[in-house]
Amino acid sequence: MIVKTKKYKLESSTYIKLALKNVLKQQWWVFLIALAICAGYLWIPNAWWFIGAGIALVLYILFWLIQFAGVTQLEQTKMLFEKLAYEINSQQILVKLNARQGMPIKWDQIKKANVAKDHFVLVVNKAQLIHLPYKIFNNDNDRKFVESILKRKGLIKS
């Protein structure tokens, strides 16, 4: 069975939000480092430990925010932000720009998937995401079929 979706354009702001959320989930340990810096207060009581940790954390998040905002401006990634249709089956995801132009993505290229209440996010790498909102599927059975493929491939938990 092949699931064909409606055309969908990923907005830059949605991409930045999803990519930043994904990186912060992957690199949760950075918050432990900030907490360890704050623990320096126990050694030398001074408010600068908290200020320094806060500044470092803000700069870290700002770094990733700038990276993802930059991705939206690059010529190589312009295709991610055009109207695309998807054909999904158990072998691959075909990302279609139009009827003749498309790019296949094999399931083994997908690192992980996230299921939210109104969308799927397929993570290819830190900077490349496939956002599939439920509204682009033609019916509920198509969405459930994609979810079952994601479970079979081990990208989401049951």
C-alpha atoms as a PDB file:
ATOM      1  CA  MET A   1       0.000   0.000   0.000  1.00  0.00           C
ATOM      2  CA  ILE A   2       1.183   3.506  -0.833  1.00  0.00           C
ATOM      3  CA  VAL A   3       0.044   6.532   1.143  1.00  0.00           C
ATOM      4  CA  LYS A   4      -0.116   9.678  -0.987  1.00  0.00           C
ATOM      5  CA  THR A   5      -0.370  12.935   0.903  1.00  0.00           C
ATOM      6  CA  LYS A   6      -1.599  16.369  -0.020  1.00  0.00           C
ATOM      7  CA  LYS A   7       1.024  19.018  -0.808  1.00  0.00           C
ATOM      8  CA  TYR A   8       2.418  20.702   2.260  1.00  0.00           C
ATOM      9  CA  LYS A   9       4.846  23.574   2.832  1.00  0.00           C
ATOM     10  CA  LEU A  10       6.976  23.511   5.966  1.00  0.00           C
ATOM     11  CA  GLU A  11       7.136  27.004   7.434  1.00  0.00           C
ATOM     12  CA  SER A  12      10.527  28.279   8.597  1.00  0.00           C
ATOM     13  CA  SER A  13       9.282  29.049  12.099  1.00  0.00           C
ATOM     14  CA  THR A  14       7.848  25.539  12.488  1.00  0.00           C
ATOM     15  CA  TYR A  15      11.124  24.027  11.302  1.00  0.00           C
ATOM     16  CA  ILE A  16      13.196  26.116  13.724  1.00  0.00           C
ATOM     17  CA  LYS A  17      10.922  25.211  16.650  1.00  0.00           C
ATOM     18  CA  LEU A  18      10.934  21.474  15.840  1.00  0.00           C
ATOM     19  CA  ALA A  19      14.691  21.325  15.170  1.00  0.00           C
ATOM     20  CA  LEU A  20      15.554  23.223  18.363  1.00  0.00           C
ATOM     21  CA  LYS A  21      13.265  20.970  20.394  1.00  0.00           C
ATOM     22  CA  ASN A  22      14.898  17.906  18.826  1.00  0.00           C
ATOM     23  CA  VAL A  23      18.456  19.087  19.601  1.00  0.00           C
ATOM     24  CA  LEU A  24      17.581  20.001  23.180  1.00  0.00           C
ATOM     25  CA  LYS A  25      16.078  16.521  23.651  1.00  0.00           C
ATOM     26  CA  GLN A  26      19.185  14.885  22.204  1.00  0.00           C
ATOM     27  CA  GLN A  27      21.604  17.009  24.201  1.00  0.00           C
ATOM     28  CA  TRP A  28      19.800  17.094  27.544  1.00  0.00           C
ATOM     29  CA  TRP A  29      23.122  16.613  29.340  1.00  0.00           C
ATOM     30  CA  VAL A  30      24.037  20.258  28.642  1.00  0.00           C
ATOM     31  CA  PHE A  31      21.583  21.246  31.359  1.00  0.00           C
ATOM     32  CA  LEU A  32      23.486  18.980  33.772  1.00  0.00           C
ATOM     33  CA  ILE A  33      26.677  20.882  32.940  1.00  0.00           C
ATOM     34  CA  ALA A  34      24.925  24.167  33.736  1.00  0.00           C
ATOM     35  CA  LEU A  35      23.731  22.628  37.004  1.00  0.00           C
ATOM     36  CA  ALA A  36      27.301  21.507  37.793  1.00  0.00           C
ATOM     37  CA  ILE A  37      28.527  25.055  37.204  1.00  0.00           C
ATOM     38  CA  CYS A  38      25.866  26.309  39.592  1.00  0.00           C
ATOM     39  CA  ALA A  39      27.139  23.793  42.153  1.00  0.00           C
ATOM     40  CA  GLY A  40      30.335  25.856  42.284  1.00  0.00           C
ATOM     41  CA  TYR A  41      28.352  28.052  44.670  1.00  0.00           C
ATOM     42  CA  LEU A  42      28.910  25.379  47.318  1.00  0.00           C
ATOM     43  CA  TRP A  43      32.669  25.752  46.912  1.00  0.00           C
ATOM     44  CA  ILE A  44      32.854  29.552  46.676  1.00  0.00           C
ATOM     45  CA  PRO A  45      29.546  31.249  47.578  1.00  0.00           C
ATOM     46  CA  ASN A  46      29.017  33.840  44.870  1.00  0.00           C
ATOM     47  CA  ALA A  47      26.049  34.674  42.625  1.00  0.00           C
ATOM     48  CA  TRP A  48      28.332  34.735  39.577  1.00  0.00           C
ATOM     49  CA  TRP A  49      28.148  30.928  39.367  1.00  0.00           C
ATOM     50  CA  PHE A  50      24.430  31.202  38.581  1.00  0.00           C
ATOM     51  CA  ILE A  51      24.893  34.175  36.268  1.00  0.00           C
ATOM     52  CA  GLY A  52      27.708  32.435  34.384  1.00  0.00           C
ATOM     53  CA  ALA A  53      25.732  29.195  34.022  1.00  0.00           C
ATOM     54  CA  GLY A  54      22.687  31.151  32.840  1.00  0.00           C
ATOM     55  CA  ILE A  55      24.695  33.098  30.275  1.00  0.00           C
ATOM     56  CA  ALA A  56      26.378  29.901  29.012  1.00  0.00           C
ATOM     57  CA  LEU A  57      23.001  28.172  28.665  1.00  0.00           C
ATOM     58  CA  VAL A  58      21.455  31.126  26.820  1.00  0.00           C
ATOM     59  CA  LEU A  59      24.458  31.304  24.471  1.00  0.00           C
ATOM     60  CA  TYR A  60      24.213  27.552  23.796  1.00  0.00           C
ATOM     61  CA  ILE A  61      20.517  27.790  22.895  1.00  0.00           C
ATOM     62  CA  LEU A  62      21.169  30.931  20.843  1.00  0.00           C
ATOM     63  CA  PHE A  63      23.920  29.093  18.931  1.00  0.00           C
ATOM     64  CA  TRP A  64      21.506  26.357  17.843  1.00  0.00           C
ATOM     65  CA  LEU A  65      18.757  28.872  17.118  1.00  0.00           C
ATOM     66  CA  ILE A  66      21.083  30.762  14.762  1.00  0.00           C
ATOM     67  CA  GLN A  67      22.172  27.502  13.112  1.00  0.00           C
ATOM     68  CA  PHE A  68      18.604  26.474  12.348  1.00  0.00           C
ATOM     69  CA  ALA A  69      17.601  29.958  11.226  1.00  0.00           C
ATOM     70  CA  GLY A  70      20.594  29.865   8.873  1.00  0.00           C
ATOM     71  CA  VAL A  71      19.471  26.542   7.399  1.00  0.00           C
ATOM     72  CA  THR A  72      16.249  28.200   6.267  1.00  0.00           C
ATOM     73  CA  GLN A  73      18.295  30.716   4.236  1.00  0.00           C
ATOM     74  CA  LEU A  74      20.688  28.316   2.499  1.00  0.00           C
ATOM     75  CA  GLU A  75      20.280  27.586  -1.196  1.00  0.00           C
ATOM     76  CA  GLN A  76      20.915  23.855  -0.648  1.00  0.00           C
ATOM     77  CA  THR A  77      17.982  23.538   1.740  1.00  0.00           C
ATOM     78  CA  LYS A  78      15.442  25.688  -0.122  1.00  0.00           C
ATOM     79  CA  MET A  79      13.711  22.488  -1.280  1.00  0.00           C
ATOM     80  CA  LEU A  80      12.765  21.638   2.325  1.00  0.00           C
ATOM     81  CA  PHE A  81      10.622  24.765   2.477  1.00  0.00           C
ATOM     82  CA  GLU A  82       8.712  24.370  -0.793  1.00  0.00           C
ATOM     83  CA  LYS A  83       5.331  22.736  -1.290  1.00  0.00           C
ATOM     84  CA  LEU A  84       6.009  19.002  -1.246  1.00  0.00           C
ATOM     85  CA  ALA A  85       3.880  15.894  -1.506  1.00  0.00           C
ATOM     86  CA  TYR A  86       4.894  12.577  -0.012  1.00  0.00           C
ATOM     87  CA  GLU A  87       4.385   8.991  -1.110  1.00  0.00           C
ATOM     88  CA  ILE A  88       5.004   6.667   1.802  1.00  0.00           C
ATOM     89  CA  ASN A  89       5.281   2.889   1.653  1.00  0.00           C
ATOM     90  CA  SER A  90       7.103   0.238   3.658  1.00  0.00           C
ATOM     91  CA  GLN A  91      10.311   0.577   1.585  1.00  0.00           C
ATOM     92  CA  GLN A  92      10.776   4.347   1.389  1.00  0.00           C
ATOM     93  CA  ILE A  93       9.407   7.848   1.573  1.00  0.00           C
ATOM     94  CA  LEU A  94       9.256   9.576  -1.801  1.00  0.00           C
ATOM     95  CA  VAL A  95       9.447  13.349  -1.380  1.00  0.00           C
ATOM     96  CA  LYS A  96       7.865  14.831  -4.521  1.00  0.00           C
ATOM     97  CA  LEU A  97       8.369  18.387  -5.695  1.00  0.00           C
ATOM     98  CA  ASN A  98       6.047  17.782  -8.660  1.00  0.00           C
ATOM     99  CA  ALA A  99       4.855  14.809 -10.744  1.00  0.00           C
ATOM    100  CA  ARG A 100       8.296  14.234 -12.293  1.00  0.00           C
ATOM    101  CA  GLN A 101      10.759  15.427  -9.645  1.00  0.00           C
ATOM    102  CA  GLY A 102      11.204  13.570  -6.409  1.00  0.00           C
ATOM    103  CA  MET A 103      13.755  12.220  -3.980  1.00  0.00           C
ATOM    104  CA  PRO A 104      13.488   8.834  -2.267  1.00  0.00           C
ATOM    105  CA  ILE A 105      14.456   8.521   1.378  1.00  0.00           C
ATOM    106  CA  LYS A 106      14.975   4.954   2.584  1.00  0.00           C
ATOM    107  CA  TRP A 107      13.692   4.087   6.031  1.00  0.00           C
ATOM    108  CA  ASP A 108      17.189   3.263   7.250  1.00  0.00           C
ATOM    109  CA  GLN A 109      18.136   6.940   6.755  1.00  0.00           C
ATOM    110  CA  ILE A 110      15.546   7.957   9.365  1.00  0.00           C
ATOM    111  CA  LYS A 111      17.209   8.071  12.796  1.00  0.00           C
ATOM    112  CA  LYS A 112      14.037   8.382  14.860  1.00  0.00           C
ATOM    113  CA  ALA A 113      10.452   9.526  14.747  1.00  0.00           C
ATOM    114  CA  ASN A 114       8.296  11.511  17.146  1.00  0.00           C
ATOM    115  CA  VAL A 115       4.535  11.303  17.293  1.00  0.00           C
ATOM    116  CA  ALA A 116       2.646  14.294  18.649  1.00  0.00           C
ATOM    117  CA  LYS A 117      -1.081  14.916  18.945  1.00  0.00           C
ATOM    118  CA  ASP A 118      -1.264  16.522  15.480  1.00  0.00           C
ATOM    119  CA  HIS A 119       1.882  15.508  13.546  1.00  0.00           C
ATOM    120  CA  PHE A 120       4.763  13.116  12.915  1.00  0.00           C
ATOM    121  CA  VAL A 121       8.364  14.329  12.885  1.00  0.00           C
ATOM    122  CA  LEU A 122      10.896  12.082  11.155  1.00  0.00           C
ATOM    123  CA  VAL A 123      14.489  12.960  12.072  1.00  0.00           C
ATOM    124  CA  VAL A 124      17.064  12.349   9.334  1.00  0.00           C
ATOM    125  CA  ASN A 125      19.847  14.273  11.120  1.00  0.00           C
ATOM    126  CA  LYS A 126      20.132  17.301  13.407  1.00  0.00           C
ATOM    127  CA  ALA A 127      19.338  19.729  10.609  1.00  0.00           C
ATOM    128  CA  GLN A 128      16.992  17.694   8.394  1.00  0.00           C
ATOM    129  CA  LEU A 129      13.480  16.869   9.540  1.00  0.00           C
ATOM    130  CA  ILE A 130      10.379  15.637   7.775  1.00  0.00           C
ATOM    131  CA  HIS A 131       7.275  17.169   9.328  1.00  0.00           C
ATOM    132  CA  LEU A 132       4.041  15.348   8.496  1.00  0.00           C
ATOM    133  CA  PRO A 133       1.006  17.040  10.031  1.00  0.00           C
ATOM    134  CA  TYR A 134      -2.086  14.850  10.206  1.00  0.00           C
ATOM    135  CA  LYS A 135      -4.009  17.300   8.003  1.00  0.00           C
ATOM    136  CA  ILE A 136      -1.988  16.293   4.902  1.00  0.00           C
ATOM    137  CA  PHE A 137      -3.215  12.697   5.035  1.00  0.00           C
ATOM    138  CA  ASN A 138      -6.296  11.975   2.950  1.00  0.00           C
ATOM    139  CA  ASN A 139      -7.967   9.920   5.673  1.00  0.00           C
ATOM    140  CA  ASP A 140      -7.380   8.479   9.126  1.00  0.00           C
ATOM    141  CA  ASN A 141      -6.448   5.052   7.731  1.00  0.00           C
ATOM    142  CA  ASP A 142      -3.478   6.562   5.884  1.00  0.00           C
ATOM    143  CA  ARG A 143      -2.222   8.127   9.106  1.00  0.00           C
ATOM    144  CA  LYS A 144      -2.641   4.860  10.995  1.00  0.00           C
ATOM    145  CA  PHE A 145      -0.799   2.974   8.232  1.00  0.00           C
ATOM    146  CA  VAL A 146       2.160   5.377   8.481  1.00  0.00           C
ATOM    147  CA  GLU A 147       2.133   4.977  12.255  1.00  0.00           C
ATOM    148  CA  SER A 148       2.202   1.184  11.891  1.00  0.00           C
ATOM    149  CA  ILE A 149       5.184   1.445   9.496  1.00  0.00           C
ATOM    150  CA  LEU A 150       7.011   3.606  12.052  1.00  0.00           C
ATOM    151  CA  LYS A 151       6.329   0.998  14.754  1.00  0.00           C
ATOM    152  CA  ARG A 152       7.481  -1.886  12.523  1.00  0.00           C
ATOM    153  CA  LYS A 153      10.686  -0.055  11.674  1.00  0.00           C
ATOM    154  CA  GLY A 154      11.339   0.528  15.379  1.00  0.00           C
ATOM    155  CA  LEU A 155      11.291   4.309  15.074  1.00  0.00           C
ATOM    156  CA  ILE A 156       8.571   4.762  17.697  1.00  0.00           C
ATOM    157  CA  LYS A 157       7.515   2.694  20.676  1.00  0.00           C
ATOM    158  CA  SER A 158       4.157   0.923  20.720  1.00  0.00           C
END
